[in-house]
């Protein structure tokens, strides 16, 4: 059972790395299998198609992302607004840190697969919706603490998430940190209360 899970998880991890860097359409199944060191028959034991594999990669990505958000946004000793700002600081660091640009699966695949695969589009839609909901809950906690004025937390969360996705895309295009800086300035203004 562990070997079964480990092989499947290894395929998902390898797939996420490759798809985040190169996209979905431009990568053949043979590339994924070769890098993972897994035979084709084993792949089809876990996934019925490349599309179902892509969907599973996205589901696994969002599961991990949501676990991270649950830890980040939990009711710890740090004020909710500080927990929220640390999320954006870490996002900026991911794109502009000393390790260089890291690829985001949502940024890389959203536009590409939205017209190719309904299952993958729905997985991306639901995953990003859950992220926005978690951000909104953290905003609600900041409102309850008095760190932010009463407002539509869902709308603010969606606006911030859209801002950062757009900044991430522009950062990839321009290969500089200017758009992340703009996103941070606007985020600080929006969250200054």
C-alpha atoms as a PDB file:
ATOM      1  CA  UNK A   1       0.000   0.000   0.000  1.00  0.00           C
ATOM      2  CA  UNK A   2       2.801   2.430   0.869  1.00  0.00           C
ATOM      3  CA  UNK A   3       4.637   1.640  -2.359  1.00  0.00           C
ATOM      4  CA  UNK A   4       1.409   2.271  -4.292  1.00  0.00           C
ATOM      5  CA  UNK A   5       0.919   5.625  -2.562  1.00  0.00           C
ATOM      6  CA  UNK A   6       4.584   6.579  -2.890  1.00  0.00           C
ATOM      7  CA  UNK A   7       4.673   5.873  -6.642  1.00  0.00           C
ATOM      8  CA  UNK A   8       1.464   7.818  -7.217  1.00  0.00           C
ATOM      9  CA  UNK A   9       2.702  10.729  -5.086  1.00  0.00           C
ATOM     10  CA  UNK A  10       6.067  10.666  -6.875  1.00  0.00           C
ATOM     11  CA  UNK A  11       4.266  10.977 -10.212  1.00  0.00           C
ATOM     12  CA  UNK A  12       2.182  13.882  -8.865  1.00  0.00           C
ATOM     13  CA  UNK A  13       5.240  15.670  -7.464  1.00  0.00           C
ATOM     14  CA  UNK A  14       7.192  15.199 -10.684  1.00  0.00           C
ATOM     15  CA  UNK A  15       4.210  16.317 -12.724  1.00  0.00           C
ATOM     16  CA  UNK A  16       3.726  19.449 -10.655  1.00  0.00           C
ATOM     17  CA  UNK A  17       7.364  20.431 -11.105  1.00  0.00           C
ATOM     18  CA  UNK A  18       7.268  19.871 -14.858  1.00  0.00           C
ATOM     19  CA  UNK A  19       3.832  21.415 -15.483  1.00  0.00           C
ATOM     20  CA  UNK A  20       4.622  24.516 -13.403  1.00  0.00           C
ATOM     21  CA  UNK A  21       7.753  25.088 -15.458  1.00  0.00           C
ATOM     22  CA  UNK A  22       6.585  24.092 -18.935  1.00  0.00           C
ATOM     23  CA  UNK A  23       2.784  24.029 -19.011  1.00  0.00           C
ATOM     24  CA  UNK A  24       0.382  21.211 -19.799  1.00  0.00           C
ATOM     25  CA  UNK A  25       0.126  21.039 -23.578  1.00  0.00           C
ATOM     26  CA  UNK A  26       3.829  21.256 -24.339  1.00  0.00           C
ATOM     27  CA  UNK A  27       4.750  18.308 -22.125  1.00  0.00           C
ATOM     28  CA  UNK A  28       4.296  14.777 -23.363  1.00  0.00           C
ATOM     29  CA  UNK A  29       3.544  11.883 -21.101  1.00  0.00           C
ATOM     30  CA  UNK A  30       6.900  10.306 -22.000  1.00  0.00           C
ATOM     31  CA  UNK A  31       8.729  13.356 -20.546  1.00  0.00           C
ATOM     32  CA  UNK A  32       6.908  13.016 -17.233  1.00  0.00           C
ATOM     33  CA  UNK A  33       7.464   9.267 -17.072  1.00  0.00           C
ATOM     34  CA  UNK A  34      11.134   9.559 -17.982  1.00  0.00           C
ATOM     35  CA  UNK A  35      11.804  12.203 -15.325  1.00  0.00           C
ATOM     36  CA  UNK A  36       9.810  10.244 -12.734  1.00  0.00           C
ATOM     37  CA  UNK A  37      11.479   6.974 -13.695  1.00  0.00           C
ATOM     38  CA  UNK A  38       8.096   5.233 -13.829  1.00  0.00           C
ATOM     39  CA  UNK A  39       6.987   2.857 -16.606  1.00  0.00           C
ATOM     40  CA  UNK A  40       3.964   3.712 -18.746  1.00  0.00           C
ATOM     41  CA  UNK A  41       1.975   0.763 -17.412  1.00  0.00           C
ATOM     42  CA  UNK A  42       2.368   2.023 -13.861  1.00  0.00           C
ATOM     43  CA  UNK A  43       1.124   5.450 -14.897  1.00  0.00           C
ATOM     44  CA  UNK A  44      -2.074   3.961 -16.305  1.00  0.00           C
ATOM     45  CA  UNK A  45      -2.542   1.987 -13.106  1.00  0.00           C
ATOM     46  CA  UNK A  46      -3.024   5.329 -11.299  1.00  0.00           C
ATOM     47  CA  UNK A  47      -4.435   7.624 -14.010  1.00  0.00           C
ATOM     48  CA  UNK A  48      -6.708   6.892 -16.966  1.00  0.00           C
ATOM     49  CA  UNK A  49      -5.320   9.726 -19.110  1.00  0.00           C
ATOM     50  CA  UNK A  50      -2.967  12.693 -19.186  1.00  0.00           C
ATOM     51  CA  UNK A  51      -5.976  14.909 -18.464  1.00  0.00           C
ATOM     52  CA  UNK A  52      -6.931  12.928 -15.355  1.00  0.00           C
ATOM     53  CA  UNK A  53      -3.282  13.134 -14.301  1.00  0.00           C
ATOM     54  CA  UNK A  54      -3.332  16.920 -14.783  1.00  0.00           C
ATOM     55  CA  UNK A  55      -6.467  17.147 -12.681  1.00  0.00           C
ATOM     56  CA  UNK A  56      -4.896  14.979  -9.961  1.00  0.00           C
ATOM     57  CA  UNK A  57      -1.767  17.183  -9.969  1.00  0.00           C
ATOM     58  CA  UNK A  58      -3.958  20.250  -9.450  1.00  0.00           C
ATOM     59  CA  UNK A  59      -5.993  18.577  -6.693  1.00  0.00           C
ATOM     60  CA  UNK A  60      -2.788  17.559  -4.904  1.00  0.00           C
ATOM     61  CA  UNK A  61      -1.397  21.089  -5.309  1.00  0.00           C
ATOM     62  CA  UNK A  62      -4.517  22.679  -3.828  1.00  0.00           C
ATOM     63  CA  UNK A  63      -4.643  20.141  -0.969  1.00  0.00           C
ATOM     64  CA  UNK A  64      -1.121  21.149   0.059  1.00  0.00           C
ATOM     65  CA  UNK A  65      -1.837  24.829  -0.464  1.00  0.00           C
ATOM     66  CA  UNK A  66      -4.955  24.671   1.716  1.00  0.00           C
ATOM     67  CA  UNK A  67      -3.052  22.870   4.473  1.00  0.00           C
ATOM     68  CA  UNK A  68      -0.485  25.659   4.371  1.00  0.00           C
ATOM     69  CA  UNK A  69      -3.205  28.313   4.578  1.00  0.00           C
ATOM     70  CA  UNK A  70      -4.873  26.540   7.505  1.00  0.00           C
ATOM     71  CA  UNK A  71      -1.606  26.732   9.442  1.00  0.00           C
ATOM     72  CA  UNK A  72      -0.858  30.287   8.294  1.00  0.00           C
ATOM     73  CA  UNK A  73      -4.293  31.747   9.004  1.00  0.00           C
ATOM     74  CA  UNK A  74      -5.141  29.794  12.170  1.00  0.00           C
ATOM     75  CA  UNK A  75      -6.042  31.569  15.380  1.00  0.00           C
ATOM     76  CA  UNK A  76      -2.500  31.945  16.682  1.00  0.00           C
ATOM     77  CA  UNK A  77      -1.099  34.641  18.922  1.00  0.00           C
ATOM     78  CA  UNK A  78      -0.226  36.867  15.963  1.00  0.00           C
ATOM     79  CA  UNK A  79      -2.943  39.361  14.946  1.00  0.00           C
ATOM     80  CA  UNK A  80      -4.986  38.306  11.902  1.00  0.00           C
ATOM     81  CA  UNK A  81      -3.802  41.302   9.870  1.00  0.00           C
ATOM     82  CA  UNK A  82      -0.161  40.324  10.482  1.00  0.00           C
ATOM     83  CA  UNK A  83      -0.896  36.734   9.414  1.00  0.00           C
ATOM     84  CA  UNK A  84      -2.549  38.059   6.269  1.00  0.00           C
ATOM     85  CA  UNK A  85       0.326  40.409   5.436  1.00  0.00           C
ATOM     86  CA  UNK A  86       2.858  37.615   5.937  1.00  0.00           C
ATOM     87  CA  UNK A  87       1.028  35.677   3.203  1.00  0.00           C
ATOM     88  CA  UNK A  88       1.615  38.491   0.702  1.00  0.00           C
ATOM     89  CA  UNK A  89       5.211  39.008   1.863  1.00  0.00           C
ATOM     90  CA  UNK A  90       5.896  35.305   1.300  1.00  0.00           C
ATOM     91  CA  UNK A  91       4.219  35.460  -2.118  1.00  0.00           C
ATOM     92  CA  UNK A  92       6.437  38.387  -3.079  1.00  0.00           C
ATOM     93  CA  UNK A  93       9.512  36.545  -1.805  1.00  0.00           C
ATOM     94  CA  UNK A  94       8.566  33.468  -3.849  1.00  0.00           C
ATOM     95  CA  UNK A  95       8.702  35.555  -7.007  1.00  0.00           C
ATOM     96  CA  UNK A  96      11.475  37.986  -6.120  1.00  0.00           C
ATOM     97  CA  UNK A  97      13.627  36.111  -3.622  1.00  0.00           C
ATOM     98  CA  UNK A  98      17.294  35.236  -3.948  1.00  0.00           C
ATOM     99  CA  UNK A  99      16.453  31.823  -5.471  1.00  0.00           C
ATOM    100  CA  UNK A 100      14.919  33.577  -8.465  1.00  0.00           C
ATOM    101  CA  UNK A 101      11.491  33.242  -9.992  1.00  0.00           C
ATOM    102  CA  UNK A 102       9.507  30.197  -8.914  1.00  0.00           C
ATOM    103  CA  UNK A 103       6.675  29.015 -11.090  1.00  0.00           C
ATOM    104  CA  UNK A 104       3.106  28.994  -9.776  1.00  0.00           C
ATOM    105  CA  UNK A 105       0.878  26.215 -11.058  1.00  0.00           C
ATOM    106  CA  UNK A 106      -2.228  28.447 -11.032  1.00  0.00           C
ATOM    107  CA  UNK A 107      -0.488  31.210 -12.992  1.00  0.00           C
ATOM    108  CA  UNK A 108       1.021  28.726 -15.434  1.00  0.00           C
ATOM    109  CA  UNK A 109      -2.046  26.602 -16.154  1.00  0.00           C
ATOM    110  CA  UNK A 110      -5.174  28.745 -15.679  1.00  0.00           C
ATOM    111  CA  UNK A 111      -5.373  30.331 -19.106  1.00  0.00           C
ATOM    112  CA  UNK A 112      -3.908  27.311 -20.868  1.00  0.00           C
ATOM    113  CA  UNK A 113      -6.231  24.576 -19.616  1.00  0.00           C
ATOM    114  CA  UNK A 114      -9.446  26.594 -19.196  1.00  0.00           C
ATOM    115  CA  UNK A 115     -10.334  25.875 -22.822  1.00  0.00           C
ATOM    116  CA  UNK A 116      -8.717  22.437 -23.042  1.00  0.00           C
ATOM    117  CA  UNK A 117     -10.132  20.533 -20.099  1.00  0.00           C
ATOM    118  CA  UNK A 118     -13.390  21.164 -18.280  1.00  0.00           C
ATOM    119  CA  UNK A 119     -12.283  18.931 -15.385  1.00  0.00           C
ATOM    120  CA  UNK A 120      -9.023  20.838 -14.925  1.00  0.00           C
ATOM    121  CA  UNK A 121     -10.818  24.191 -15.282  1.00  0.00           C
ATOM    122  CA  UNK A 122     -13.265  23.233 -12.543  1.00  0.00           C
ATOM    123  CA  UNK A 123     -10.429  22.049 -10.297  1.00  0.00           C
ATOM    124  CA  UNK A 124      -8.639  25.379 -10.784  1.00  0.00           C
ATOM    125  CA  UNK A 125     -11.880  27.308 -10.228  1.00  0.00           C
ATOM    126  CA  UNK A 126     -12.717  25.449  -7.030  1.00  0.00           C
ATOM    127  CA  UNK A 127      -9.149  25.572  -5.725  1.00  0.00           C
ATOM    128  CA  UNK A 128      -8.781  29.303  -6.241  1.00  0.00           C
ATOM    129  CA  UNK A 129     -12.250  29.824  -4.783  1.00  0.00           C
ATOM    130  CA  UNK A 130     -11.153  28.002  -1.630  1.00  0.00           C
ATOM    131  CA  UNK A 131      -8.031  30.154  -1.392  1.00  0.00           C
ATOM    132  CA  UNK A 132     -10.134  33.311  -1.665  1.00  0.00           C
ATOM    133  CA  UNK A 133     -12.497  31.987   1.012  1.00  0.00           C
ATOM    134  CA  UNK A 134      -9.572  31.407   3.383  1.00  0.00           C
ATOM    135  CA  UNK A 135      -8.228  34.897   2.733  1.00  0.00           C
ATOM    136  CA  UNK A 136     -11.729  36.286   3.384  1.00  0.00           C
ATOM    137  CA  UNK A 137     -11.902  34.404   6.700  1.00  0.00           C
ATOM    138  CA  UNK A 138      -8.601  35.941   7.753  1.00  0.00           C
ATOM    139  CA  UNK A 139      -9.916  39.374   6.747  1.00  0.00           C
ATOM    140  CA  UNK A 140     -13.049  38.694   8.831  1.00  0.00           C
ATOM    141  CA  UNK A 141     -10.806  37.866  11.787  1.00  0.00           C
ATOM    142  CA  UNK A 142      -8.920  41.147  11.289  1.00  0.00           C
ATOM    143  CA  UNK A 143     -12.252  43.015  11.168  1.00  0.00           C
ATOM    144  CA  UNK A 144     -13.363  41.275  14.373  1.00  0.00           C
ATOM    145  CA  UNK A 145     -10.068  42.269  16.051  1.00  0.00           C
ATOM    146  CA  UNK A 146     -10.572  45.875  14.947  1.00  0.00           C
ATOM    147  CA  UNK A 147      -7.505  45.896  12.654  1.00  0.00           C
ATOM    148  CA  UNK A 148      -9.652  46.540   9.579  1.00  0.00           C
ATOM    149  CA  UNK A 149     -12.910  48.438   9.147  1.00  0.00           C
ATOM    150  CA  UNK A 150     -16.087  46.478   8.502  1.00  0.00           C
ATOM    151  CA  UNK A 151     -16.293  45.677   4.773  1.00  0.00           C
ATOM    152  CA  UNK A 152     -17.102  42.965   2.264  1.00  0.00           C
ATOM    153  CA  UNK A 153     -14.313  40.520   3.088  1.00  0.00           C
ATOM    154  CA  UNK A 154     -15.052  38.250   0.116  1.00  0.00           C
ATOM    155  CA  UNK A 155     -14.763  41.139  -2.338  1.00  0.00           C
ATOM    156  CA  UNK A 156     -11.526  42.366  -0.757  1.00  0.00           C
ATOM    157  CA  UNK A 157     -10.082  38.830  -0.718  1.00  0.00           C
ATOM    158  CA  UNK A 158     -10.965  38.282  -4.381  1.00  0.00           C
ATOM    159  CA  UNK A 159      -9.523  41.672  -5.352  1.00  0.00           C
ATOM    160  CA  UNK A 160      -6.264  40.996  -3.515  1.00  0.00           C
ATOM    161  CA  UNK A 161      -5.910  37.497  -4.964  1.00  0.00           C
ATOM    162  CA  UNK A 162      -6.562  38.819  -8.480  1.00  0.00           C
ATOM    163  CA  UNK A 163      -4.021  41.588  -7.911  1.00  0.00           C
ATOM    164  CA  UNK A 164      -1.341  39.100  -6.900  1.00  0.00           C
ATOM    165  CA  UNK A 165      -2.104  36.638  -9.706  1.00  0.00           C
ATOM    166  CA  UNK A 166      -1.819  39.503 -12.194  1.00  0.00           C
ATOM    167  CA  UNK A 167       1.405  40.722 -10.602  1.00  0.00           C
ATOM    168  CA  UNK A 168       2.785  37.178 -10.780  1.00  0.00           C
ATOM    169  CA  UNK A 169       2.005  36.947 -14.474  1.00  0.00           C
ATOM    170  CA  UNK A 170       3.553  40.347 -15.207  1.00  0.00           C
ATOM    171  CA  UNK A 171       6.618  39.395 -13.168  1.00  0.00           C
ATOM    172  CA  UNK A 172       7.053  36.337 -15.400  1.00  0.00           C
ATOM    173  CA  UNK A 173       6.716  38.523 -18.499  1.00  0.00           C
ATOM    174  CA  UNK A 174       9.046  41.314 -17.389  1.00  0.00           C
ATOM    175  CA  UNK A 175      11.498  39.231 -15.330  1.00  0.00           C
ATOM    176  CA  UNK A 176      11.800  41.937 -12.689  1.00  0.00           C
ATOM    177  CA  UNK A 177      10.197  42.680  -9.319  1.00  0.00           C
ATOM    178  CA  UNK A 178       8.464  45.945 -10.253  1.00  0.00           C
ATOM    179  CA  UNK A 179       4.943  44.458 -10.428  1.00  0.00           C
ATOM    180  CA  UNK A 180       5.355  42.622  -7.139  1.00  0.00           C
ATOM    181  CA  UNK A 181       6.399  45.916  -5.570  1.00  0.00           C
ATOM    182  CA  UNK A 182       3.288  47.592  -6.987  1.00  0.00           C
ATOM    183  CA  UNK A 183       1.111  44.768  -5.665  1.00  0.00           C
ATOM    184  CA  UNK A 184       2.635  45.093  -2.195  1.00  0.00           C
ATOM    185  CA  UNK A 185       2.135  48.871  -2.084  1.00  0.00           C
ATOM    186  CA  UNK A 186      -1.517  48.542  -3.094  1.00  0.00           C
ATOM    187  CA  UNK A 187      -2.063  45.647  -0.673  1.00  0.00           C
ATOM    188  CA  UNK A 188      -0.651  47.709   2.191  1.00  0.00           C
ATOM    189  CA  UNK A 189      -2.951  50.586   1.220  1.00  0.00           C
ATOM    190  CA  UNK A 190      -6.006  48.312   1.039  1.00  0.00           C
ATOM    191  CA  UNK A 191      -5.181  46.691   4.378  1.00  0.00           C
ATOM    192  CA  UNK A 192      -4.154  49.833   6.230  1.00  0.00           C
ATOM    193  CA  UNK A 193      -7.622  50.210   7.699  1.00  0.00           C
END
